[in-house]
Amino acid sequence: MIQKWHKKKSQLPLIAIIIFIFILLTIFLNEKRFQQIHIKDFDDKKTFSFKSTDSVNAAVLDRFTTCNSTIKYKGQKAGWDLRLPKSDKQREQKDSCDLFSGRWVFDNTSYPLYNESDCPYMSDQLACHKHGRPDLDYQYWRWQPHGCNLNRWNATEIWNKLRGKRLMLVGDSLNRGQWISMLCLLESVIPAEKKSITPNAHLTIFRAEEYNATIEFQWAPLLVESNSDDPVNHRLDERIMRPDSVLRHSSEWEHADILIFNSYLWWRQGPVKLLWSKEKNGVCEEADSLEAMELAMDAWANWIGSNVDPVKKKVFFVTMSPTHLWSREWEEGTEGNCYNEKTPIEDEKYWGSGSDLPTMGMVDKVLNKLKSQVSVINITQLSEYRKDGHPSIYRKFWDTRTEEQLANPASYSDCIHWCLPGVPDVWNELLFHFL
């Protein structure tokens, strides 16, 4: 018996070594799994993977970030390894009628859906009547699809759909305009003591207690992390982004039930500096806007592909909002812009330079990879017709206008954003039609 006991005791160090090796192997394999995550493509029941390149060690970009030096973009990608099904099947139109094809009909009986002065969340950038616009016709146009109708607006019905949910719009000032439109469309049926809003911040939240629901806006003009992510102080001489990191923004996306993204306007402002997460010496690459936007869209798409189950989370992408900077595009021989325009364009084939076809093609290519995980709200063509819908000079400007500008209103007209009530209300009607 004594000999047997000593024999067992002598095996203990060997067993301990085996257990220790097993633990090390487990840690190593788990670390590899963290770098190579396998998830399902919900359409075709196949597996794809991506490599995470978000770096916790990379310095956070802010408006004080600078490039130590800049070189030309070398064409590198973020390292995503997105293996999608080989099927060429495109996104399917869920509705038998194309709601995005139609015309604008003057309707001063049903529209506007709210009054500018009654909405407590109205922005001075979008309150055109308050800032002196003499005509109100821009508020009375209704979007009429060919061969069908949009659902009649019902704020209470919408709130019931949003009960217990977080709805979040993510993007630039155009998406913020859509968010303000949404608040104006929905807030009137919520008692004053049952609604609240947080101060303007990276994430601004409107809360409706009665429905345990929130409608939120996140400022993320490039979708990926950038030095322009401050919701107020973001006008900088150079734009720097991390093409391989959405971590700053996506930490909020994962908690939302409904996400509405946009991205376009900020890519129309010239070259973009790329500062990769792994770059330690502050060396930036400079890419043209289309190359940079495609990198950002790829990073966004990989987050969607790895985190969105379309049964549990609804994701929408709003296509580009057009500008009306050159009146010669809709009226040959003129040299103005949207200033003093009072009626929509009637030519259904009209397409202005404010809507860039190569960008649309790139975005469509990215969205088609995601298939049923993202629904598209195609606002571009219907908004193209609305040369009359911009604030032009009838908004609050943060800088004082010069005498030269005042003498030539078209020189400082805002032909990018939209008056409210107005065009963004229709964007939201379309959005809620698909909810």
Protein backbone atom coordinates (compact mmCIF):
# COMPACT_ATOMS: atom_id res chain seq x y z
CA MET A 1 0.00 0.00 0.00
CA ILE A 2 2.83 2.37 0.85
CA GLN A 3 4.50 1.66 -2.51
CA LYS A 4 1.26 2.33 -4.43
CA TRP A 5 0.77 5.67 -2.64
CA HIS A 6 4.27 6.83 -3.48
CA LYS A 7 3.73 5.82 -7.11
CA LYS A 8 0.57 7.97 -7.39
CA LYS A 9 2.22 10.89 -5.66
CA SER A 10 5.08 10.84 -8.14
CA GLN A 11 2.59 11.39 -11.01
CA LEU A 12 1.16 14.66 -9.64
CA PRO A 13 3.79 17.01 -11.16
CA LEU A 14 3.22 15.43 -14.58
CA ILE A 15 -0.56 15.92 -14.28
CA ALA A 16 0.00 19.56 -13.24
CA ILE A 17 2.22 20.15 -16.28
CA ILE A 18 -0.40 18.63 -18.60
CA ILE A 19 -3.15 20.85 -17.10
CA PHE A 20 -0.93 23.94 -17.42
CA ILE A 21 -0.24 23.18 -21.12
CA PHE A 22 -3.97 22.62 -21.68
CA ILE A 23 -4.78 26.05 -20.16
CA LEU A 24 -2.17 27.76 -22.34
CA LEU A 25 -3.55 26.10 -25.48
CA THR A 26 -7.10 27.16 -24.53
CA ILE A 27 -6.03 30.79 -24.09
CA PHE A 28 -4.17 30.73 -27.41
CA LEU A 29 -7.13 29.22 -29.29
CA ASN A 30 -9.58 31.72 -27.76
CA GLU A 31 -7.30 34.56 -28.80
CA LYS A 32 -7.22 33.22 -32.35
CA ARG A 33 -11.01 32.97 -32.32
CA PHE A 34 -11.21 36.62 -31.25
CA GLN A 35 -9.18 37.59 -34.29
CA GLN A 36 -11.11 35.27 -36.65
CA ILE A 37 -14.82 35.41 -35.90
CA HIS A 38 -17.21 33.17 -37.83
CA ILE A 39 -20.79 34.20 -38.27
CA LYS A 40 -23.70 33.28 -40.49
CA ASP A 41 -24.89 34.98 -43.62
CA PHE A 42 -28.58 35.05 -42.77
CA ASP A 43 -29.70 34.80 -46.40
CA ASP A 44 -27.82 31.78 -47.65
CA LYS A 45 -26.93 30.01 -44.39
CA LYS A 46 -23.24 30.13 -45.27
CA THR A 47 -20.32 31.25 -43.17
CA PHE A 48 -18.03 34.20 -43.67
CA SER A 49 -15.34 35.69 -41.52
CA PHE A 50 -13.60 38.96 -40.94
CA LYS A 51 -10.42 40.02 -39.23
CA SER A 52 -10.79 42.64 -36.53
CA THR A 53 -8.39 45.53 -37.01
CA ASP A 54 -9.86 47.93 -34.46
CA SER A 55 -6.89 48.63 -32.24
CA VAL A 56 -7.39 49.38 -28.56
CA ASN A 57 -3.88 50.78 -28.49
CA ALA A 58 -4.42 53.32 -31.30
CA ALA A 59 -4.64 56.91 -30.07
CA VAL A 60 -8.15 58.33 -30.26
CA LEU A 61 -8.62 60.86 -33.05
CA ASP A 62 -9.93 64.29 -32.09
CA ARG A 63 -9.92 67.79 -33.60
CA PHE A 64 -6.38 68.37 -32.32
CA THR A 65 -4.97 65.33 -34.15
CA THR A 66 -2.43 66.12 -36.87
CA CYS A 67 -0.39 64.12 -39.35
CA ASN A 68 3.37 64.15 -38.76
CA SER A 69 3.79 63.60 -42.50
CA THR A 70 1.63 62.66 -45.47
CA ILE A 71 2.26 60.25 -48.32
CA LYS A 72 0.10 59.19 -51.25
CA TYR A 73 -2.43 56.43 -50.57
CA LYS A 74 -0.82 53.07 -51.41
CA GLY A 75 -4.07 51.24 -52.04
CA GLN A 76 -4.01 49.08 -48.92
CA LYS A 77 -7.26 47.74 -47.52
CA ALA A 78 -8.27 47.28 -43.91
CA GLY A 79 -7.71 43.52 -44.02
CA TRP A 80 -11.36 42.52 -43.95
CA ASP A 81 -11.82 38.92 -45.06
CA LEU A 82 -15.50 38.96 -45.88
CA ARG A 83 -16.39 35.71 -47.62
CA LEU A 84 -19.84 36.12 -49.07
CA PRO A 85 -21.97 33.65 -51.06
CA LYS A 86 -21.11 33.46 -54.77
CA SER A 87 -24.74 34.10 -55.77
CA ASP A 88 -25.28 37.21 -57.91
CA LYS A 89 -28.73 37.68 -56.41
CA GLN A 90 -29.40 41.36 -55.68
CA ARG A 91 -31.53 42.87 -52.94
CA GLU A 92 -35.19 42.21 -53.61
CA GLN A 93 -37.80 44.97 -53.75
CA LYS A 94 -40.12 44.06 -50.88
CA ASP A 95 -42.99 46.26 -52.09
CA SER A 96 -44.85 45.54 -55.33
CA CYS A 97 -44.82 49.28 -56.04
CA ASP A 98 -41.68 51.37 -56.42
CA LEU A 99 -42.30 54.05 -53.83
CA PHE A 100 -39.20 55.96 -54.90
CA SER A 101 -40.49 56.66 -58.43
CA GLY A 102 -43.18 59.31 -58.74
CA ARG A 103 -43.86 63.04 -58.75
CA TRP A 104 -44.55 65.89 -56.36
CA VAL A 105 -48.20 66.98 -56.04
CA PHE A 106 -49.22 70.31 -54.51
CA ASP A 107 -51.42 69.53 -51.49
CA ASN A 108 -52.23 72.36 -49.08
CA THR A 109 -54.99 70.31 -47.45
CA SER A 110 -53.00 67.41 -45.96
CA TYR A 111 -49.63 69.16 -45.71
CA PRO A 112 -47.61 70.25 -43.87
CA LEU A 113 -47.80 67.44 -41.30
CA TYR A 114 -46.79 69.88 -38.52
CA ASN A 115 -46.19 73.60 -38.12
CA GLU A 116 -42.64 74.94 -37.94
CA SER A 117 -43.42 77.19 -34.96
CA ASP A 118 -45.12 74.36 -33.00
CA CYS A 119 -42.10 72.03 -32.98
CA PRO A 120 -39.94 72.71 -29.89
CA TYR A 121 -36.97 70.88 -31.45
CA MET A 122 -36.81 72.91 -34.67
CA SER A 123 -33.30 73.94 -35.74
CA ASP A 124 -32.52 77.53 -36.74
CA GLN A 125 -30.60 76.07 -39.66
CA LEU A 126 -33.84 74.61 -41.06
CA ALA A 127 -36.55 77.04 -39.88
CA CYS A 128 -36.91 78.93 -43.15
CA HIS A 129 -40.17 80.76 -42.41
CA LYS A 130 -38.84 81.98 -39.05
CA HIS A 131 -35.81 83.42 -40.84
CA GLY A 132 -37.75 85.39 -43.39
CA ARG A 133 -38.74 83.13 -46.27
CA PRO A 134 -41.78 84.90 -47.72
CA ASP A 135 -43.33 81.97 -49.65
CA LEU A 136 -44.67 78.86 -47.91
CA ASP A 137 -45.38 76.68 -50.94
CA TYR A 138 -42.33 74.50 -50.19
CA GLN A 139 -44.30 73.06 -47.23
CA TYR A 140 -47.28 71.86 -49.28
CA TRP A 141 -45.81 69.33 -51.68
CA ARG A 142 -46.77 65.67 -51.26
CA TRP A 143 -44.77 62.80 -52.77
CA GLN A 144 -46.98 60.68 -55.01
CA PRO A 145 -45.48 57.35 -56.17
CA HIS A 146 -46.61 56.07 -59.55
CA GLY A 147 -49.39 53.51 -59.19
CA CYS A 148 -49.67 53.41 -55.40
CA ASN A 149 -49.77 55.56 -52.27
CA LEU A 150 -47.64 56.04 -49.19
CA ASN A 151 -49.25 54.99 -45.94
CA ARG A 152 -51.22 57.84 -44.37
CA TRP A 153 -49.23 59.42 -41.56
CA ASN A 154 -50.32 58.36 -38.06
CA ALA A 155 -48.00 59.38 -35.20
CA THR A 156 -49.70 57.19 -32.59
CA GLU A 157 -49.41 54.13 -34.82
CA ILE A 158 -45.71 54.86 -35.32
CA TRP A 159 -45.11 55.16 -31.58
CA ASN A 160 -46.78 51.78 -31.06
CA LYS A 161 -44.30 50.31 -33.56
CA LEU A 162 -41.46 51.94 -31.62
CA ARG A 163 -42.67 50.84 -28.19
CA GLY A 164 -39.78 49.54 -26.09
CA LYS A 165 -37.24 50.27 -28.84
CA ARG A 166 -34.22 52.46 -29.53
CA LEU A 167 -34.24 54.10 -32.96
CA MET A 168 -30.94 55.75 -33.90
CA LEU A 169 -29.99 57.90 -36.88
CA VAL A 170 -26.26 57.97 -37.58
CA GLY A 171 -24.48 60.35 -39.91
CA ASP A 172 -24.02 64.01 -40.84
CA SER A 173 -26.11 67.22 -40.71
CA LEU A 174 -28.50 65.91 -43.37
CA ASN A 175 -29.26 62.89 -41.21
CA ARG A 176 -29.60 65.25 -38.25
CA GLY A 177 -32.17 67.20 -40.31
CA GLN A 178 -34.06 63.95 -40.86
CA TRP A 179 -33.90 63.28 -37.10
CA ILE A 180 -35.30 66.75 -36.31
CA SER A 181 -38.04 66.14 -38.88
CA MET A 182 -38.83 62.85 -37.13
CA LEU A 183 -39.11 64.56 -33.74
CA CYS A 184 -41.41 67.23 -35.18
CA LEU A 185 -43.58 64.56 -36.82
CA LEU A 186 -43.92 62.50 -33.65
CA GLU A 187 -43.54 64.66 -30.54
CA SER A 188 -46.98 66.33 -30.51
CA VAL A 189 -48.81 63.19 -29.32
CA ILE A 190 -46.50 62.81 -26.29
CA PRO A 191 -47.51 64.82 -23.19
CA ALA A 192 -44.93 67.43 -22.15
CA GLU A 193 -44.22 65.70 -18.83
CA LYS A 194 -43.63 62.39 -20.62
CA LYS A 195 -40.89 63.51 -23.02
CA SER A 196 -37.34 64.74 -22.61
CA ILE A 197 -34.21 65.35 -24.67
CA THR A 198 -30.52 65.29 -23.74
CA PRO A 199 -28.27 68.26 -24.63
CA ASN A 200 -26.55 68.33 -28.02
CA ALA A 201 -23.74 65.78 -27.83
CA HIS A 202 -22.07 62.99 -29.77
CA LEU A 203 -25.30 61.08 -29.07
CA THR A 204 -28.46 63.15 -28.55
CA ILE A 205 -31.49 61.28 -27.21
CA PHE A 206 -35.22 62.09 -27.29
CA ARG A 207 -37.15 59.93 -24.84
CA ALA A 208 -40.88 59.15 -24.83
CA GLU A 209 -41.58 57.64 -21.41
CA GLU A 210 -45.11 56.50 -22.21
CA TYR A 211 -43.77 54.17 -24.91
CA ASN A 212 -40.40 53.42 -23.26
CA ALA A 213 -38.87 54.44 -26.59
CA THR A 214 -36.04 56.70 -27.74
CA ILE A 215 -35.26 58.47 -31.01
CA GLU A 216 -31.55 59.25 -31.10
CA PHE A 217 -29.04 60.99 -33.32
CA GLN A 218 -25.34 60.16 -33.41
CA TRP A 219 -22.96 62.56 -35.10
CA ALA A 220 -20.64 60.42 -37.27
CA PRO A 221 -20.18 62.22 -40.62
CA LEU A 222 -17.64 59.70 -42.00
CA LEU A 223 -19.09 56.61 -40.24
CA VAL A 224 -15.57 55.54 -39.21
CA GLU A 225 -13.60 57.27 -36.45
CA SER A 226 -12.34 60.71 -37.51
CA ASN A 227 -11.05 64.03 -36.23
CA SER A 228 -14.45 65.53 -37.13
CA ASP A 229 -16.46 63.50 -34.63
CA ASP A 230 -17.08 66.47 -32.32
CA PRO A 231 -20.77 67.39 -32.90
CA VAL A 232 -20.00 71.13 -32.67
CA ASN A 233 -16.30 71.79 -33.38
CA HIS A 234 -15.77 69.79 -36.54
CA ARG A 235 -14.87 72.36 -39.19
CA LEU A 236 -11.16 71.67 -39.68
CA ASP A 237 -8.52 72.45 -42.30
CA GLU A 238 -7.86 68.75 -42.93
CA ARG A 239 -9.97 65.69 -42.35
CA ILE A 240 -8.28 62.65 -40.85
CA MET A 241 -9.99 59.29 -40.44
CA ARG A 242 -9.20 55.77 -39.31
CA PRO A 243 -10.28 53.62 -42.25
CA ASP A 244 -10.17 50.46 -40.13
CA SER A 245 -12.12 51.51 -37.02
CA VAL A 246 -15.79 52.14 -36.28
CA LEU A 247 -15.33 51.27 -32.61
CA ARG A 248 -16.04 54.77 -31.27
CA HIS A 249 -19.47 54.82 -32.90
CA SER A 250 -20.41 51.15 -33.01
CA SER A 251 -20.33 50.84 -29.22
CA GLU A 252 -23.73 52.58 -29.39
CA TRP A 253 -25.02 50.93 -32.58
CA GLU A 254 -25.06 47.50 -31.01
CA HIS A 255 -27.70 48.62 -28.49
CA ALA A 256 -30.15 50.10 -31.03
CA ASP A 257 -33.12 48.19 -32.42
CA ILE A 258 -33.50 50.33 -35.55
CA LEU A 259 -30.52 52.03 -37.24
CA ILE A 260 -30.68 54.61 -40.05
CA PHE A 261 -27.34 55.52 -41.65
CA ASN A 262 -26.31 58.07 -44.24
CA SER A 263 -22.97 59.17 -45.68
CA TYR A 264 -22.18 61.32 -48.68
CA LEU A 265 -21.88 65.08 -48.19
CA TRP A 266 -18.59 65.04 -46.27
CA TRP A 267 -16.96 63.00 -49.02
CA ARG A 268 -17.56 65.83 -51.50
CA GLN A 269 -15.02 68.13 -49.88
CA GLY A 270 -11.74 66.99 -51.40
CA PRO A 271 -9.00 64.52 -50.35
CA VAL A 272 -9.05 62.73 -46.99
CA LYS A 273 -6.10 61.79 -44.76
CA LEU A 274 -5.95 58.15 -43.65
CA LEU A 275 -4.33 57.29 -40.31
CA TRP A 276 -4.37 53.53 -39.84
CA SER A 277 -4.77 52.11 -36.34
CA LYS A 278 -1.45 50.27 -36.57
CA GLU A 279 0.46 53.42 -37.62
CA LYS A 280 2.74 54.48 -34.73
CA ASN A 281 4.61 57.39 -36.31
CA GLY A 282 1.72 59.64 -37.29
CA VAL A 283 2.26 59.07 -41.01
CA CYS A 284 -0.96 59.67 -42.95
CA GLU A 285 -1.90 58.58 -46.44
CA GLU A 286 -3.91 60.94 -48.64
CA ALA A 287 -6.71 59.40 -50.69
CA ASP A 288 -9.27 60.91 -53.01
CA SER A 289 -12.78 61.11 -51.66
CA LEU A 290 -14.19 58.08 -53.48
CA GLU A 291 -11.32 55.80 -52.35
CA ALA A 292 -11.67 57.04 -48.77
CA MET A 293 -15.44 56.64 -48.74
CA GLU A 294 -15.18 53.08 -50.03
CA LEU A 295 -12.78 52.21 -47.20
CA ALA A 296 -15.23 53.70 -44.68
CA MET A 297 -18.17 51.88 -46.23
CA ASP A 298 -16.25 48.59 -46.12
CA ALA A 299 -15.52 49.06 -42.41
CA TRP A 300 -19.19 49.89 -41.79
CA ALA A 301 -20.36 46.90 -43.86
CA ASN A 302 -18.17 44.51 -41.90
CA TRP A 303 -19.67 45.73 -38.66
CA ILE A 304 -23.16 45.21 -40.10
CA GLY A 305 -22.21 41.79 -41.47
CA SER A 306 -20.90 40.59 -38.14
CA ASN A 307 -23.44 42.12 -35.78
CA VAL A 308 -26.84 42.37 -37.44
CA ASP A 309 -29.43 39.63 -37.34
CA PRO A 310 -32.21 41.13 -39.52
CA VAL A 311 -34.80 39.28 -37.45
CA LYS A 312 -33.75 41.23 -34.35
CA LYS A 313 -32.33 44.51 -35.67
CA LYS A 314 -33.53 46.65 -38.59
CA VAL A 315 -30.90 48.61 -40.53
CA PHE A 316 -31.59 51.25 -43.21
CA PHE A 317 -29.22 53.17 -45.44
CA VAL A 318 -30.42 56.51 -46.82
CA THR A 319 -28.98 57.31 -50.25
CA MET A 320 -27.33 60.62 -51.13
CA SER A 321 -29.18 63.88 -50.64
CA PRO A 322 -28.73 66.02 -53.79
CA THR A 323 -27.63 69.66 -53.91
CA HIS A 324 -28.86 72.40 -56.25
CA LEU A 325 -25.84 74.63 -56.73
CA TRP A 326 -26.13 75.41 -60.46
CA SER A 327 -29.44 76.62 -61.91
CA ARG A 328 -28.12 76.08 -65.47
CA GLU A 329 -28.61 72.35 -64.85
CA TRP A 330 -32.41 72.75 -64.77
CA GLU A 331 -32.76 76.06 -66.62
CA GLU A 332 -30.26 76.49 -69.42
CA GLY A 333 -28.60 79.88 -69.70
CA THR A 334 -29.00 80.92 -66.06
CA GLU A 335 -26.18 81.41 -63.54
CA GLY A 336 -27.96 81.13 -60.20
CA ASN A 337 -28.65 78.32 -57.75
CA CYS A 338 -31.52 77.34 -55.46
CA TYR A 339 -32.05 80.95 -54.33
CA ASN A 340 -35.55 82.23 -55.16
CA GLU A 341 -36.68 78.87 -56.54
CA LYS A 342 -40.33 78.22 -55.65
CA THR A 343 -41.44 75.12 -57.55
CA PRO A 344 -40.10 71.58 -58.07
CA ILE A 345 -38.50 70.33 -61.27
CA GLU A 346 -41.10 68.55 -63.41
CA ASP A 347 -38.77 66.63 -65.72
CA GLU A 348 -38.71 63.12 -64.22
CA LYS A 349 -35.43 62.37 -66.04
CA TYR A 350 -33.62 65.27 -64.39
CA TRP A 351 -30.31 64.40 -62.75
CA GLY A 352 -27.97 67.08 -61.41
CA SER A 353 -24.25 67.10 -60.70
CA GLY A 354 -25.00 67.11 -56.98
CA SER A 355 -25.66 63.36 -57.19
CA ASP A 356 -22.47 61.54 -58.13
CA LEU A 357 -23.04 58.32 -60.12
CA PRO A 358 -19.63 56.67 -59.36
CA THR A 359 -20.32 57.14 -55.64
CA MET A 360 -23.80 55.68 -56.00
CA GLY A 361 -22.34 52.69 -57.84
CA MET A 362 -19.76 52.05 -55.13
CA VAL A 363 -22.37 52.32 -52.36
CA ASP A 364 -24.73 50.00 -54.21
CA LYS A 365 -21.93 47.43 -54.59
CA VAL A 366 -21.28 47.47 -50.84
CA LEU A 367 -24.97 47.29 -49.94
CA ASN A 368 -25.58 44.37 -52.29
CA LYS A 369 -23.05 42.32 -50.34
CA LEU A 370 -25.17 42.73 -47.21
CA LYS A 371 -28.40 41.61 -48.91
CA SER A 372 -31.29 41.35 -46.42
CA GLN A 373 -29.31 42.86 -43.55
CA VAL A 374 -29.84 46.41 -44.88
CA SER A 375 -32.87 48.08 -46.47
CA VAL A 376 -32.31 51.07 -48.73
CA ILE A 377 -34.33 54.30 -48.54
CA ASN A 378 -33.70 55.80 -51.98
CA ILE A 379 -34.29 59.52 -51.50
CA THR A 380 -32.01 60.73 -54.29
CA GLN A 381 -34.26 61.00 -57.36
CA LEU A 382 -37.30 62.33 -55.54
CA SER A 383 -35.15 64.94 -53.77
CA GLU A 384 -33.50 65.92 -57.07
CA TYR A 385 -36.77 67.51 -58.17
CA ARG A 386 -36.96 69.79 -55.12
CA LYS A 387 -34.75 72.74 -56.07
CA ASP A 388 -37.24 74.86 -54.10
CA GLY A 389 -36.83 72.99 -50.81
CA HIS A 390 -33.50 74.39 -49.55
CA PRO A 391 -33.08 77.20 -46.99
CA SER A 392 -31.04 79.35 -49.41
CA ILE A 393 -30.62 82.61 -47.42
CA TYR A 394 -33.50 81.92 -45.01
CA ARG A 395 -31.69 80.32 -42.08
CA LYS A 396 -29.42 81.30 -39.23
CA PHE A 397 -25.81 81.75 -40.33
CA TRP A 398 -23.10 81.56 -37.69
CA ASP A 399 -20.89 84.13 -39.45
CA THR A 400 -21.92 87.69 -40.27
CA ARG A 401 -22.66 88.24 -43.95
CA THR A 402 -20.46 90.79 -45.77
CA GLU A 403 -21.89 93.69 -47.78
CA GLU A 404 -20.76 91.94 -50.98
CA GLN A 405 -22.63 88.77 -49.99
CA LEU A 406 -25.78 90.64 -49.02
CA ALA A 407 -25.74 92.32 -52.44
CA ASN A 408 -25.62 88.88 -54.09
CA PRO A 409 -27.84 86.45 -52.11
CA ALA A 410 -27.01 83.50 -54.35
CA SER A 411 -23.37 83.76 -53.22
CA TYR A 412 -24.19 82.55 -49.71
CA SER A 413 -27.34 80.51 -50.27
CA ASP A 414 -27.55 77.13 -48.54
CA CYS A 415 -28.54 74.76 -51.34
CA ILE A 416 -27.51 71.66 -49.41
CA HIS A 417 -29.78 71.38 -46.35
CA TRP A 418 -33.58 71.36 -46.41
CA CYS A 419 -36.30 73.57 -44.96
CA LEU A 420 -38.68 72.05 -42.41
CA PRO A 421 -41.48 71.20 -42.82
CA GLY A 422 -40.37 69.88 -46.17
CA VAL A 423 -38.46 67.20 -48.05
CA PRO A 424 -37.01 65.26 -45.03
CA ASP A 425 -40.58 64.66 -43.80
CA VAL A 426 -41.12 62.53 -46.92
CA TRP A 427 -37.89 60.64 -46.21
CA ASN A 428 -39.41 59.70 -42.86
CA GLU A 429 -42.75 58.78 -44.40
CA LEU A 430 -40.85 56.35 -46.63
CA LEU A 431 -38.85 55.01 -43.71
CA PHE A 432 -41.92 54.31 -41.59
CA HIS A 433 -43.67 52.74 -44.56
CA PHE A 434 -41.00 50.02 -44.45
CA LEU A 435 -41.22 49.59 -40.69
